[in-house]
Amino acid sequence: SSSEAFGQFLETSEAYDDAIIVPEPAYLAESLPYYVSNRIYLPREGRFGSTVSWTTAASYTMTLGDLLSVARELEAQDDQPVLILYGHRARIQPIAYRKRYSYNKVLSWTPDQAAEFKASTVLVADFKEAVNDEKYEIYALK
């Protein structure tokens, strides 16, 4: 699974072994605690946790700008590296984007948000070999 491979990556990484994980969509990180003890921040719910609540209190919409903002706040607040687990099929590129996906959630971005995300992060790992839909990219803040 990608979670097992990502867990191995975290355990062997001096730079990211204690990183906070910020997943989008959040359910892709639910199996991660079986492999590592890194904290997971669920951005749509605004809380740390290892399982998604599926509550109506969670934000249905999220922009790439929101995701980047959450990661920056966590890094500044906790003085720990933050890794963004991006698990959507859409490539992040500077075009307007809006997509509804599972559970009526929406991810969107403007060209400026995509450009800011690309300028502010670096791709540190890619886990796309899973047989199921557990495929994602890992971005670190620069």
Foldseek 3Di string as FASTA:
>chain_A
DLLQVVLVVLVPDPQRVQAEEEEVVLQLQLCNVVRHDHWYADQQQRGIDNHDPLDPSGDQEDELLSSVVVQVVCCVVVVGWYKYWYQDPDDLAQDWDWDQDPPRHIYTYHSVSSVVNVVFWDFDDWAAPDPDSSTTTIITGD
